[in-house]
Amino acid sequence: FDSIGARKVANLAKLLFHLVVTHRVLRILPVIKTLDLSDDDLDESTLIFLTILLSSILEHFSEPAQAKTIFARSTATTKKESSDEDADEGIRSGLLVFFMETLKSSPKNKKNSRFRKNFKAIVKELDTDGFEDMF
């Protein structure tokens, strides 16, 4: 992201949205795994990318259950899958913090809006430690 401009980052977020949501050829957690969400101060490009990608997801689905499926936990059956699930939990925690710190204050997060309904459903899906009570 350091070497490309904001417009290219935005276009990349829109492309990824279509690959994850519309065409379902990618899962979102492995893609997000490549970003460092543990940094308290995300760089501008990462912030733009995540905001556009996740806002697009929040606005896309008419039913919150559909939005939740994008972030649903997989069922682990082998040791390798179990360790992947542990790594996914760290990503899920980072995403939850991003939702609560950035997307919660979005102007699109209005009462009874599609964005807000999906926001609540996804936060509940990502939440493993009771953070959902923060909203």
N, C-alpha and C. Protein backbone atom coordinates (compact mmCIF):
# COMPACT_ATOMS: atom_id res chain seq x y z
N PHE A 1 0.81 -1.20 0.00
CA PHE A 1 0.00 0.00 0.00
C PHE A 1 0.85 1.26 0.00
N ASP A 2 2.09 1.15 0.48
CA ASP A 2 2.94 2.34 0.58
C ASP A 2 3.25 2.96 -0.77
N SER A 3 3.32 2.12 -1.80
CA SER A 3 3.77 2.64 -3.10
C SER A 3 2.62 3.02 -4.03
N ILE A 4 1.37 2.79 -3.62
CA ILE A 4 0.26 3.15 -4.50
C ILE A 4 -0.60 4.23 -3.87
N GLY A 5 -1.25 5.00 -4.69
CA GLY A 5 -2.05 6.12 -4.23
C GLY A 5 -3.41 5.70 -3.69
N ALA A 6 -4.10 6.66 -3.11
CA ALA A 6 -5.41 6.42 -2.50
C ALA A 6 -6.43 5.89 -3.50
N ARG A 7 -6.41 6.41 -4.71
CA ARG A 7 -7.37 5.96 -5.73
C ARG A 7 -7.18 4.47 -6.06
N LYS A 8 -5.93 4.04 -6.18
CA LYS A 8 -5.66 2.63 -6.47
C LYS A 8 -6.02 1.74 -5.29
N VAL A 9 -5.79 2.24 -4.09
CA VAL A 9 -6.17 1.50 -2.89
C VAL A 9 -7.70 1.33 -2.85
N ALA A 10 -8.43 2.39 -3.17
CA ALA A 10 -9.89 2.33 -3.19
C ALA A 10 -10.37 1.34 -4.25
N ASN A 11 -9.76 1.38 -5.42
CA ASN A 11 -10.13 0.44 -6.49
C ASN A 11 -9.82 -1.00 -6.10
N LEU A 12 -8.71 -1.21 -5.41
CA LEU A 12 -8.37 -2.55 -4.93
C LEU A 12 -9.40 -3.05 -3.92
N ALA A 13 -9.86 -2.16 -3.04
CA ALA A 13 -10.89 -2.53 -2.06
C ALA A 13 -12.19 -2.92 -2.76
N LYS A 14 -12.55 -2.18 -3.80
CA LYS A 14 -13.78 -2.49 -4.55
C LYS A 14 -13.64 -3.82 -5.29
N LEU A 15 -12.47 -4.09 -5.86
CA LEU A 15 -12.23 -5.36 -6.53
C LEU A 15 -12.34 -6.51 -5.53
N LEU A 16 -11.70 -6.36 -4.39
CA LEU A 16 -11.75 -7.40 -3.37
C LEU A 16 -13.18 -7.63 -2.89
N PHE A 17 -13.95 -6.56 -2.75
CA PHE A 17 -15.36 -6.70 -2.37
C PHE A 17 -16.07 -7.63 -3.35
N HIS A 18 -15.87 -7.41 -4.63
CA HIS A 18 -16.54 -8.24 -5.64
C HIS A 18 -16.05 -9.69 -5.60
N LEU A 19 -14.77 -9.90 -5.34
CA LEU A 19 -14.24 -11.27 -5.28
C LEU A 19 -14.74 -12.01 -4.04
N VAL A 20 -14.92 -11.29 -2.95
CA VAL A 20 -15.37 -11.91 -1.69
C VAL A 20 -16.89 -12.04 -1.64
N VAL A 21 -17.60 -10.98 -2.00
CA VAL A 21 -19.05 -10.93 -1.81
C VAL A 21 -19.82 -11.38 -3.04
N THR A 22 -19.54 -10.79 -4.16
CA THR A 22 -20.33 -11.06 -5.36
C THR A 22 -19.99 -12.42 -5.97
N HIS A 23 -18.71 -12.68 -6.14
CA HIS A 23 -18.30 -13.91 -6.82
C HIS A 23 -17.94 -15.05 -5.86
N ARG A 24 -17.70 -14.73 -4.61
CA ARG A 24 -17.37 -15.71 -3.57
C ARG A 24 -16.20 -16.63 -3.95
N VAL A 25 -15.17 -16.05 -4.53
CA VAL A 25 -13.98 -16.82 -4.88
C VAL A 25 -12.88 -16.68 -3.83
N LEU A 26 -13.03 -15.75 -2.90
CA LEU A 26 -12.07 -15.56 -1.82
C LEU A 26 -12.82 -15.46 -0.49
N ARG A 27 -12.13 -15.86 0.57
CA ARG A 27 -12.64 -15.63 1.92
C ARG A 27 -11.97 -14.38 2.46
N ILE A 28 -12.69 -13.62 3.26
CA ILE A 28 -12.17 -12.33 3.71
C ILE A 28 -11.06 -12.45 4.75
N LEU A 29 -11.15 -13.39 5.67
CA LEU A 29 -10.16 -13.46 6.74
C LEU A 29 -8.74 -13.74 6.23
N PRO A 30 -8.53 -14.67 5.29
CA PRO A 30 -7.17 -14.84 4.78
C PRO A 30 -6.62 -13.60 4.07
N VAL A 31 -7.49 -12.85 3.44
CA VAL A 31 -7.04 -11.62 2.76
C VAL A 31 -6.66 -10.57 3.80
N ILE A 32 -7.49 -10.40 4.81
CA ILE A 32 -7.23 -9.42 5.87
C ILE A 32 -6.00 -9.81 6.67
N LYS A 33 -5.71 -11.10 6.74
CA LYS A 33 -4.56 -11.60 7.49
C LYS A 33 -3.26 -10.95 7.03
N THR A 34 -3.19 -10.53 5.77
CA THR A 34 -1.96 -9.93 5.25
C THR A 34 -1.75 -8.50 5.74
N LEU A 35 -2.76 -7.92 6.35
CA LEU A 35 -2.65 -6.55 6.90
C LEU A 35 -2.31 -6.62 8.38
N ASP A 36 -1.59 -5.64 8.86
CA ASP A 36 -1.25 -5.59 10.28
C ASP A 36 -2.31 -4.76 11.00
N LEU A 37 -3.30 -5.46 11.56
CA LEU A 37 -4.37 -4.76 12.27
C LEU A 37 -4.02 -4.48 13.72
N SER A 38 -2.89 -5.02 14.19
CA SER A 38 -2.51 -4.83 15.58
C SER A 38 -1.93 -3.45 15.84
N ASP A 39 -1.53 -2.76 14.77
CA ASP A 39 -0.97 -1.42 14.89
C ASP A 39 -2.09 -0.45 15.31
N ASP A 40 -1.86 0.26 16.39
CA ASP A 40 -2.88 1.19 16.89
C ASP A 40 -3.14 2.34 15.92
N ASP A 41 -2.14 2.69 15.14
CA ASP A 41 -2.28 3.80 14.21
C ASP A 41 -2.06 3.28 12.80
N LEU A 42 -3.14 2.83 12.14
CA LEU A 42 -3.04 2.30 10.79
C LEU A 42 -2.65 3.41 9.82
N ASP A 43 -1.83 3.05 8.83
CA ASP A 43 -1.47 4.08 7.85
C ASP A 43 -2.69 4.43 7.01
N GLU A 44 -2.63 5.56 6.34
CA GLU A 44 -3.78 6.10 5.62
C GLU A 44 -4.30 5.13 4.55
N SER A 45 -3.41 4.50 3.81
CA SER A 45 -3.82 3.58 2.75
C SER A 45 -4.58 2.38 3.31
N THR A 46 -4.09 1.81 4.41
CA THR A 46 -4.77 0.67 5.03
C THR A 46 -6.12 1.10 5.56
N LEU A 47 -6.20 2.26 6.15
CA LEU A 47 -7.46 2.79 6.67
C LEU A 47 -8.48 2.98 5.54
N ILE A 48 -8.04 3.55 4.42
CA ILE A 48 -8.92 3.74 3.26
C ILE A 48 -9.39 2.38 2.74
N PHE A 49 -8.46 1.45 2.58
CA PHE A 49 -8.78 0.13 2.06
C PHE A 49 -9.83 -0.56 2.93
N LEU A 50 -9.57 -0.64 4.22
CA LEU A 50 -10.50 -1.34 5.12
C LEU A 50 -11.85 -0.64 5.21
N THR A 51 -11.85 0.68 5.25
CA THR A 51 -13.10 1.42 5.34
C THR A 51 -13.97 1.18 4.11
N ILE A 52 -13.38 1.25 2.94
CA ILE A 52 -14.16 1.04 1.71
C ILE A 52 -14.63 -0.41 1.61
N LEU A 53 -13.73 -1.35 1.85
CA LEU A 53 -14.10 -2.77 1.76
C LEU A 53 -15.21 -3.12 2.74
N LEU A 54 -15.02 -2.78 4.00
CA LEU A 54 -15.99 -3.17 5.02
C LEU A 54 -17.29 -2.38 4.93
N SER A 55 -17.21 -1.11 4.55
CA SER A 55 -18.44 -0.33 4.37
C SER A 55 -19.26 -0.87 3.20
N SER A 56 -18.58 -1.28 2.16
CA SER A 56 -19.28 -1.88 1.01
C SER A 56 -20.01 -3.15 1.42
N ILE A 57 -19.37 -3.96 2.24
CA ILE A 57 -20.01 -5.18 2.74
C ILE A 57 -21.22 -4.82 3.59
N LEU A 58 -21.07 -3.84 4.47
CA LEU A 58 -22.18 -3.45 5.34
C LEU A 58 -23.37 -2.89 4.58
N GLU A 59 -23.11 -2.24 3.47
CA GLU A 59 -24.20 -1.66 2.69
C GLU A 59 -24.81 -2.63 1.68
N HIS A 60 -24.12 -3.71 1.38
CA HIS A 60 -24.54 -4.60 0.31
C HIS A 60 -25.73 -5.50 0.68
N PHE A 61 -25.66 -6.13 1.82
CA PHE A 61 -26.63 -7.16 2.16
C PHE A 61 -27.92 -6.59 2.73
N SER A 62 -29.04 -7.14 2.26
CA SER A 62 -30.33 -6.68 2.78
C SER A 62 -30.70 -7.39 4.08
N GLU A 63 -30.13 -8.56 4.30
CA GLU A 63 -30.39 -9.32 5.53
C GLU A 63 -29.10 -9.47 6.33
N PRO A 64 -29.12 -9.16 7.62
CA PRO A 64 -27.92 -9.28 8.45
C PRO A 64 -27.34 -10.70 8.46
N ALA A 65 -28.17 -11.72 8.33
CA ALA A 65 -27.66 -13.09 8.32
C ALA A 65 -26.73 -13.32 7.13
N GLN A 66 -27.02 -12.68 6.01
CA GLN A 66 -26.16 -12.81 4.84
C GLN A 66 -24.80 -12.15 5.11
N ALA A 67 -24.81 -11.00 5.75
CA ALA A 67 -23.57 -10.30 6.06
C ALA A 67 -22.71 -11.11 7.02
N LYS A 68 -23.34 -11.75 7.99
CA LYS A 68 -22.61 -12.56 8.96
C LYS A 68 -21.85 -13.71 8.31
N THR A 69 -22.39 -14.26 7.22
CA THR A 69 -21.74 -15.42 6.61
C THR A 69 -20.35 -15.08 6.07
N ILE A 70 -20.11 -13.84 5.71
CA ILE A 70 -18.80 -13.43 5.21
C ILE A 70 -17.73 -13.58 6.30
N PHE A 71 -18.13 -13.39 7.56
CA PHE A 71 -17.20 -13.42 8.68
C PHE A 71 -17.39 -14.65 9.57
N ALA A 72 -18.20 -15.60 9.13
CA ALA A 72 -18.52 -16.77 9.94
C ALA A 72 -17.28 -17.60 10.23
N ARG A 73 -17.28 -18.19 11.40
CA ARG A 73 -16.19 -19.10 11.78
C ARG A 73 -16.31 -20.39 10.98
N SER A 74 -15.16 -20.92 10.60
CA SER A 74 -15.17 -22.22 9.93
C SER A 74 -15.11 -23.30 10.99
N THR A 75 -15.54 -24.50 10.65
CA THR A 75 -15.47 -25.61 11.60
C THR A 75 -14.15 -26.33 11.39
N ALA A 76 -13.31 -26.33 12.41
CA ALA A 76 -11.99 -26.96 12.32
C ALA A 76 -12.09 -28.43 12.68
N THR A 77 -11.44 -29.27 11.86
CA THR A 77 -11.48 -30.71 12.14
C THR A 77 -10.08 -31.30 12.27
N THR A 78 -9.06 -30.71 11.70
CA THR A 78 -7.71 -31.24 11.81
C THR A 78 -6.86 -30.29 12.63
N LYS A 79 -5.66 -30.74 13.01
CA LYS A 79 -4.76 -29.89 13.78
C LYS A 79 -4.38 -28.63 13.00
N LYS A 80 -4.09 -28.80 11.71
CA LYS A 80 -3.72 -27.65 10.89
C LYS A 80 -4.86 -26.66 10.84
N GLU A 81 -6.07 -27.15 10.61
CA GLU A 81 -7.23 -26.25 10.57
C GLU A 81 -7.45 -25.60 11.92
N SER A 82 -7.16 -26.33 13.00
CA SER A 82 -7.32 -25.78 14.34
C SER A 82 -6.35 -24.63 14.57
N SER A 83 -5.11 -24.76 14.12
CA SER A 83 -4.15 -23.67 14.27
C SER A 83 -4.53 -22.49 13.37
N ASP A 84 -5.09 -22.78 12.19
CA ASP A 84 -5.59 -21.71 11.33
C ASP A 84 -6.73 -20.97 12.01
N GLU A 85 -7.57 -21.69 12.71
CA GLU A 85 -8.68 -21.07 13.43
C GLU A 85 -8.15 -20.15 14.53
N ASP A 86 -7.07 -20.57 15.22
CA ASP A 86 -6.47 -19.71 16.25
C ASP A 86 -5.94 -18.42 15.63
N ALA A 87 -5.30 -18.52 14.47
CA ALA A 87 -4.81 -17.33 13.77
C ALA A 87 -5.98 -16.45 13.35
N ASP A 88 -7.06 -17.07 12.89
CA ASP A 88 -8.25 -16.32 12.49
C ASP A 88 -8.82 -15.53 13.66
N GLU A 89 -8.73 -16.07 14.87
CA GLU A 89 -9.27 -15.36 16.03
C GLU A 89 -8.55 -14.04 16.26
N GLY A 90 -7.23 -14.01 16.02
CA GLY A 90 -6.49 -12.76 16.14
C GLY A 90 -6.94 -11.74 15.11
N ILE A 91 -7.19 -12.22 13.90
CA ILE A 91 -7.67 -11.34 12.82
C ILE A 91 -9.06 -10.84 13.16
N ARG A 92 -9.89 -11.75 13.66
CA ARG A 92 -11.26 -11.38 14.03
C ARG A 92 -11.25 -10.30 15.11
N SER A 93 -10.33 -10.43 16.07
CA SER A 93 -10.22 -9.42 17.14
C SER A 93 -9.80 -8.07 16.57
N GLY A 94 -8.83 -8.08 15.65
CA GLY A 94 -8.40 -6.84 15.01
C GLY A 94 -9.51 -6.19 14.21
N LEU A 95 -10.28 -7.03 13.50
CA LEU A 95 -11.42 -6.51 12.75
C LEU A 95 -12.48 -5.92 13.67
N LEU A 96 -12.71 -6.60 14.78
CA LEU A 96 -13.70 -6.10 15.74
C LEU A 96 -13.30 -4.73 16.26
N VAL A 97 -12.03 -4.56 16.58
CA VAL A 97 -11.56 -3.26 17.04
C VAL A 97 -11.74 -2.21 15.94
N PHE A 98 -11.44 -2.57 14.70
CA PHE A 98 -11.61 -1.63 13.58
C PHE A 98 -13.09 -1.25 13.44
N PHE A 99 -13.97 -2.23 13.55
CA PHE A 99 -15.40 -1.93 13.47
C PHE A 99 -15.81 -0.96 14.56
N MET A 100 -15.35 -1.22 15.79
CA MET A 100 -15.79 -0.41 16.92
C MET A 100 -15.13 0.97 16.94
N GLU A 101 -13.89 1.09 16.47
CA GLU A 101 -13.20 2.37 16.52
C GLU A 101 -13.43 3.23 15.28
N THR A 102 -13.66 2.60 14.13
CA THR A 102 -13.75 3.37 12.89
C THR A 102 -15.15 3.36 12.30
N LEU A 103 -15.70 2.19 12.07
CA LEU A 103 -16.98 2.11 11.36
C LEU A 103 -18.18 2.48 12.23
N LYS A 104 -18.03 2.33 13.54
CA LYS A 104 -19.13 2.70 14.43
C LYS A 104 -19.47 4.18 14.30
N SER A 105 -18.47 5.01 14.03
CA SER A 105 -18.70 6.46 13.94
C SER A 105 -18.97 6.91 12.50
N SER A 106 -19.18 5.97 11.59
CA SER A 106 -19.46 6.32 10.20
C SER A 106 -20.78 7.07 10.09
N PRO A 107 -20.86 8.06 9.20
CA PRO A 107 -22.14 8.76 9.00
C PRO A 107 -23.22 7.84 8.44
N LYS A 108 -22.83 6.70 7.88
CA LYS A 108 -23.79 5.74 7.33
C LYS A 108 -24.43 4.89 8.44
N ASN A 109 -23.87 4.94 9.64
CA ASN A 109 -24.35 4.13 10.75
C ASN A 109 -25.51 4.83 11.45
N LYS A 110 -26.63 4.90 10.74
CA LYS A 110 -27.83 5.57 11.26
C LYS A 110 -28.84 4.53 11.73
N LYS A 111 -29.65 4.92 12.67
CA LYS A 111 -30.66 4.03 13.22
C LYS A 111 -31.55 3.48 12.11
N ASN A 112 -31.80 2.17 12.15
CA ASN A 112 -32.65 1.43 11.21
C ASN A 112 -32.09 1.36 9.78
N SER A 113 -30.85 1.73 9.59
CA SER A 113 -30.26 1.63 8.25
C SER A 113 -29.74 0.20 8.02
N ARG A 114 -29.59 -0.16 6.76
CA ARG A 114 -29.02 -1.46 6.38
C ARG A 114 -27.60 -1.57 6.95
N PHE A 115 -26.86 -0.49 6.85
CA PHE A 115 -25.49 -0.44 7.37
C PHE A 115 -25.47 -0.82 8.85
N ARG A 116 -26.34 -0.19 9.64
CA ARG A 116 -26.34 -0.43 11.09
C ARG A 116 -26.78 -1.85 11.44
N LYS A 117 -27.79 -2.35 10.75
CA LYS A 117 -28.25 -3.71 11.02
C LYS A 117 -27.15 -4.72 10.73
N ASN A 118 -26.46 -4.54 9.62
CA ASN A 118 -25.37 -5.44 9.27
C ASN A 118 -24.17 -5.23 10.19
N PHE A 119 -23.93 -3.98 10.58
CA PHE A 119 -22.86 -3.68 11.53
C PHE A 119 -23.05 -4.48 12.82
N LYS A 120 -24.24 -4.41 13.37
CA LYS A 120 -24.53 -5.13 14.62
C LYS A 120 -24.37 -6.63 14.46
N ALA A 121 -24.84 -7.17 13.34
CA ALA A 121 -24.75 -8.62 13.11
C ALA A 121 -23.30 -9.07 12.97
N ILE A 122 -22.51 -8.30 12.26
CA ILE A 122 -21.11 -8.68 12.07
C ILE A 122 -20.32 -8.52 13.36
N VAL A 123 -20.57 -7.46 14.10
CA VAL A 123 -19.88 -7.29 15.38
C VAL A 123 -20.20 -8.46 16.30
N LYS A 124 -21.44 -8.87 16.31
CA LYS A 124 -21.83 -10.02 17.14
C LYS A 124 -21.12 -11.29 16.66
N GLU A 125 -20.98 -11.46 15.35
CA GLU A 125 -20.28 -12.63 14.80
C GLU A 125 -18.79 -12.60 15.14
N LEU A 126 -18.17 -11.44 15.09
CA LEU A 126 -16.74 -11.31 15.37
C LEU A 126 -16.44 -11.37 16.87
N ASP A 127 -17.39 -10.98 17.68
CA ASP A 127 -17.18 -10.83 19.11
C ASP A 127 -16.99 -12.18 19.80
N THR A 128 -15.87 -12.31 20.50
CA THR A 128 -15.65 -13.52 21.29
C THR A 128 -15.46 -13.18 22.76
N ASP A 129 -15.35 -11.87 23.08
CA ASP A 129 -15.04 -11.46 24.44
C ASP A 129 -16.03 -10.47 25.04
N GLY A 130 -17.21 -10.32 24.47
CA GLY A 130 -18.22 -9.44 25.03
C GLY A 130 -18.08 -7.98 24.69
N PHE A 131 -17.38 -7.65 23.59
CA PHE A 131 -17.23 -6.25 23.20
C PHE A 131 -18.51 -5.66 22.62
N GLU A 132 -19.44 -6.51 22.18
CA GLU A 132 -20.64 -5.99 21.52
C GLU A 132 -21.44 -5.08 22.44
N ASP A 133 -21.24 -5.20 23.73
CA ASP A 133 -21.95 -4.34 24.67
C ASP A 133 -21.52 -2.88 24.58
N MET A 134 -20.43 -2.62 23.83
CA MET A 134 -19.92 -1.26 23.69
C MET A 134 -20.80 -0.39 22.83
N PHE A 135 -21.74 -0.97 22.07
CA PHE A 135 -22.64 -0.15 21.26
C PHE A 135 -24.02 -0.38 21.71
